[in-house]
Amino acid sequence: MVYEANARVRDPVYGCVGAISSLQQQIDVLQAQLALAQAEVVHLRVRQTASMSNHGLSPASPSNSGSPSSKLVGTQAKPIFDMDNSMAVDQATYGETCGHAGLIPGYY
């Protein structure tokens, strides 16, 4: 109840609903970033497998031992996407931004 009251003070129109909507939007963006990261991992694995087959190495060869991260140390792969810190949440400004129009579908 205290959180709801504080949210209503920061955002008299939307209150907790604005905060929930903002968090849902962050989840959507982070899920998209996770999907891109997973796709990049698959891309790098395919690229590594192709590179090993071009050099006559089999996946079971002794030179292929080690952790997945150690296998990628020497590769010069260009990332599919650039991660930035746009999703970092500053609690001081969160209260200011959670009440902007358009955060809740159907409300303008």
C-alpha atoms as a PDB file:
ATOM      1  CA  MET A   1       0.000   0.000   0.000  1.00  0.00           C
ATOM      2  CA  VAL A   2       2.906   2.321   0.747  1.00  0.00           C
ATOM      3  CA  TYR A   3       4.411   1.665  -2.685  1.00  0.00           C
ATOM      4  CA  GLU A   4       1.054   2.319  -4.326  1.00  0.00           C
ATOM      5  CA  ALA A   5       0.696   5.598  -2.428  1.00  0.00           C
ATOM      6  CA  ASN A   6       4.206   6.679  -3.411  1.00  0.00           C
ATOM      7  CA  ALA A   7       3.556   5.707  -7.026  1.00  0.00           C
ATOM      8  CA  ARG A   8       0.352   7.754  -6.979  1.00  0.00           C
ATOM      9  CA  VAL A   9       2.310  10.763  -5.633  1.00  0.00           C
ATOM     10  CA  ARG A  10       4.924  10.438  -8.409  1.00  0.00           C
ATOM     11  CA  ASP A  11       2.278   9.805 -11.059  1.00  0.00           C
ATOM     12  CA  PRO A  12      -1.213  10.932 -10.068  1.00  0.00           C
ATOM     13  CA  VAL A  13      -2.794   9.653 -13.281  1.00  0.00           C
ATOM     14  CA  TYR A  14      -1.348   6.167 -13.696  1.00  0.00           C
ATOM     15  CA  GLY A  15       0.243   5.342 -10.333  1.00  0.00           C
ATOM     16  CA  CYS A  16       1.257   1.676 -10.091  1.00  0.00           C
ATOM     17  CA  VAL A  17      -0.279   0.908 -13.472  1.00  0.00           C
ATOM     18  CA  GLY A  18       2.256   3.216 -15.105  1.00  0.00           C
ATOM     19  CA  ALA A  19       5.114   1.488 -13.290  1.00  0.00           C
ATOM     20  CA  ILE A  20       3.795  -1.949 -14.268  1.00  0.00           C
ATOM     21  CA  SER A  21       3.417  -0.881 -17.890  1.00  0.00           C
ATOM     22  CA  SER A  22       6.950   0.496 -17.948  1.00  0.00           C
ATOM     23  CA  LEU A  23       8.300  -2.756 -16.505  1.00  0.00           C
ATOM     24  CA  GLN A  24       6.356  -4.778 -19.086  1.00  0.00           C
ATOM     25  CA  GLN A  25       7.897  -2.683 -21.856  1.00  0.00           C
ATOM     26  CA  GLN A  26      11.362  -3.290 -20.387  1.00  0.00           C
ATOM     27  CA  ILE A  27      10.648  -7.040 -20.317  1.00  0.00           C
ATOM     28  CA  ASP A  28       9.629  -6.953 -23.986  1.00  0.00           C
ATOM     29  CA  VAL A  29      12.804  -5.106 -24.979  1.00  0.00           C
ATOM     30  CA  LEU A  30      15.012  -7.398 -22.895  1.00  0.00           C
ATOM     31  CA  GLN A  31      13.351 -10.506 -24.365  1.00  0.00           C
ATOM     32  CA  ALA A  32      14.084  -9.179 -27.851  1.00  0.00           C
ATOM     33  CA  GLN A  33      17.709  -8.513 -26.877  1.00  0.00           C
ATOM     34  CA  LEU A  34      17.962 -12.030 -25.424  1.00  0.00           C
ATOM     35  CA  ALA A  35      16.609 -13.521 -28.649  1.00  0.00           C
ATOM     36  CA  LEU A  36      19.202 -11.556 -30.632  1.00  0.00           C
ATOM     37  CA  ALA A  37      21.982 -12.715 -28.310  1.00  0.00           C
ATOM     38  CA  GLN A  38      20.855 -16.329 -28.656  1.00  0.00           C
ATOM     39  CA  ALA A  39      20.771 -15.953 -32.446  1.00  0.00           C
ATOM     40  CA  GLU A  40      24.290 -14.530 -32.370  1.00  0.00           C
ATOM     41  CA  VAL A  41      25.491 -17.509 -30.306  1.00  0.00           C
ATOM     42  CA  VAL A  42      23.999 -19.899 -32.872  1.00  0.00           C
ATOM     43  CA  HIS A  43      25.592 -17.878 -35.683  1.00  0.00           C
ATOM     44  CA  LEU A  44      29.002 -18.011 -33.994  1.00  0.00           C
ATOM     45  CA  ARG A  45      28.720 -21.754 -33.385  1.00  0.00           C
ATOM     46  CA  VAL A  46      27.834 -22.391 -37.033  1.00  0.00           C
ATOM     47  CA  ARG A  47      30.686 -20.158 -38.129  1.00  0.00           C
ATOM     48  CA  GLN A  48      33.104 -21.948 -35.786  1.00  0.00           C
ATOM     49  CA  THR A  49      31.975 -25.368 -37.018  1.00  0.00           C
ATOM     50  CA  ALA A  50      32.427 -24.271 -40.635  1.00  0.00           C
ATOM     51  CA  SER A  51      35.868 -22.880 -39.831  1.00  0.00           C
ATOM     52  CA  MET A  52      36.901 -26.111 -38.127  1.00  0.00           C
ATOM     53  CA  SER A  53      35.690 -28.216 -41.058  1.00  0.00           C
ATOM     54  CA  ASN A  54      37.671 -26.011 -43.465  1.00  0.00           C
ATOM     55  CA  HIS A  55      40.811 -26.691 -41.435  1.00  0.00           C
ATOM     56  CA  GLY A  56      40.165 -30.435 -41.251  1.00  0.00           C
ATOM     57  CA  LEU A  57      39.311 -30.451 -37.545  1.00  0.00           C
ATOM     58  CA  SER A  58      36.510 -32.600 -36.238  1.00  0.00           C
ATOM     59  CA  PRO A  59      34.350 -31.503 -33.298  1.00  0.00           C
ATOM     60  CA  ALA A  60      35.822 -34.361 -31.218  1.00  0.00           C
ATOM     61  CA  SER A  61      39.463 -33.456 -31.867  1.00  0.00           C
ATOM     62  CA  PRO A  62      41.668 -32.670 -28.827  1.00  0.00           C
ATOM     63  CA  SER A  63      42.329 -29.143 -30.090  1.00  0.00           C
ATOM     64  CA  ASN A  64      38.631 -28.424 -29.640  1.00  0.00           C
ATOM     65  CA  SER A  65      38.608 -28.942 -25.875  1.00  0.00           C
ATOM     66  CA  GLY A  66      37.840 -26.160 -23.439  1.00  0.00           C
ATOM     67  CA  SER A  67      34.934 -23.970 -22.572  1.00  0.00           C
ATOM     68  CA  PRO A  68      32.754 -22.381 -25.266  1.00  0.00           C
ATOM     69  CA  SER A  69      34.046 -18.942 -24.316  1.00  0.00           C
ATOM     70  CA  SER A  70      37.667 -20.039 -24.714  1.00  0.00           C
ATOM     71  CA  LYS A  71      36.859 -21.310 -28.206  1.00  0.00           C
ATOM     72  CA  LEU A  72      35.690 -17.858 -29.267  1.00  0.00           C
ATOM     73  CA  VAL A  73      38.706 -15.923 -27.999  1.00  0.00           C
ATOM     74  CA  GLY A  74      40.536 -15.955 -31.326  1.00  0.00           C
ATOM     75  CA  THR A  75      37.564 -15.285 -33.591  1.00  0.00           C
ATOM     76  CA  GLN A  76      36.982 -11.902 -35.133  1.00  0.00           C
ATOM     77  CA  ALA A  77      33.199 -12.143 -35.365  1.00  0.00           C
ATOM     78  CA  LYS A  78      31.253  -8.961 -35.955  1.00  0.00           C
ATOM     79  CA  PRO A  79      28.296  -8.786 -33.563  1.00  0.00           C
ATOM     80  CA  ILE A  80      24.859  -8.951 -35.133  1.00  0.00           C
ATOM     81  CA  PHE A  81      23.698  -6.159 -32.844  1.00  0.00           C
ATOM     82  CA  ASP A  82      25.275  -3.556 -30.606  1.00  0.00           C
ATOM     83  CA  MET A  83      24.392  -3.732 -26.935  1.00  0.00           C
ATOM     84  CA  ASP A  84      24.002  -0.391 -25.292  1.00  0.00           C
ATOM     85  CA  ASN A  85      22.985   0.730 -21.865  1.00  0.00           C
ATOM     86  CA  SER A  86      19.656   2.144 -22.996  1.00  0.00           C
ATOM     87  CA  MET A  87      17.791  -0.205 -20.653  1.00  0.00           C
ATOM     88  CA  ALA A  88      19.574   0.913 -17.497  1.00  0.00           C
ATOM     89  CA  VAL A  89      16.953   2.231 -15.111  1.00  0.00           C
ATOM     90  CA  ASP A  90      17.754   5.218 -12.953  1.00  0.00           C
ATOM     91  CA  GLN A  91      15.342   5.109 -10.026  1.00  0.00           C
ATOM     92  CA  ALA A  92      15.430   8.900  -9.696  1.00  0.00           C
ATOM     93  CA  THR A  93      14.171   9.434 -13.236  1.00  0.00           C
ATOM     94  CA  TYR A  94      11.919   6.374 -13.265  1.00  0.00           C
ATOM     95  CA  GLY A  95       9.208   8.209 -11.388  1.00  0.00           C
ATOM     96  CA  GLU A  96       9.329  11.007 -13.954  1.00  0.00           C
ATOM     97  CA  THR A  97       9.070   8.720 -16.967  1.00  0.00           C
ATOM     98  CA  CYS A  98       6.545   6.139 -15.808  1.00  0.00           C
ATOM     99  CA  GLY A  99       3.617   8.485 -16.227  1.00  0.00           C
ATOM    100  CA  HIS A 100       4.104   9.661 -19.795  1.00  0.00           C
ATOM    101  CA  ALA A 101       1.174   9.250 -22.141  1.00  0.00           C
ATOM    102  CA  GLY A 102       1.309   6.198 -24.346  1.00  0.00           C
ATOM    103  CA  LEU A 103       2.707   3.872 -21.697  1.00  0.00           C
ATOM    104  CA  ILE A 104      -0.587   2.126 -21.234  1.00  0.00           C
ATOM    105  CA  PRO A 105      -2.197   0.772 -24.406  1.00  0.00           C
ATOM    106  CA  GLY A 106      -5.445   2.589 -25.093  1.00  0.00           C
ATOM    107  CA  TYR A 107      -4.613   5.655 -22.927  1.00  0.00           C
ATOM    108  CA  TYR A 108      -3.268   8.834 -24.487  1.00  0.00           C
END
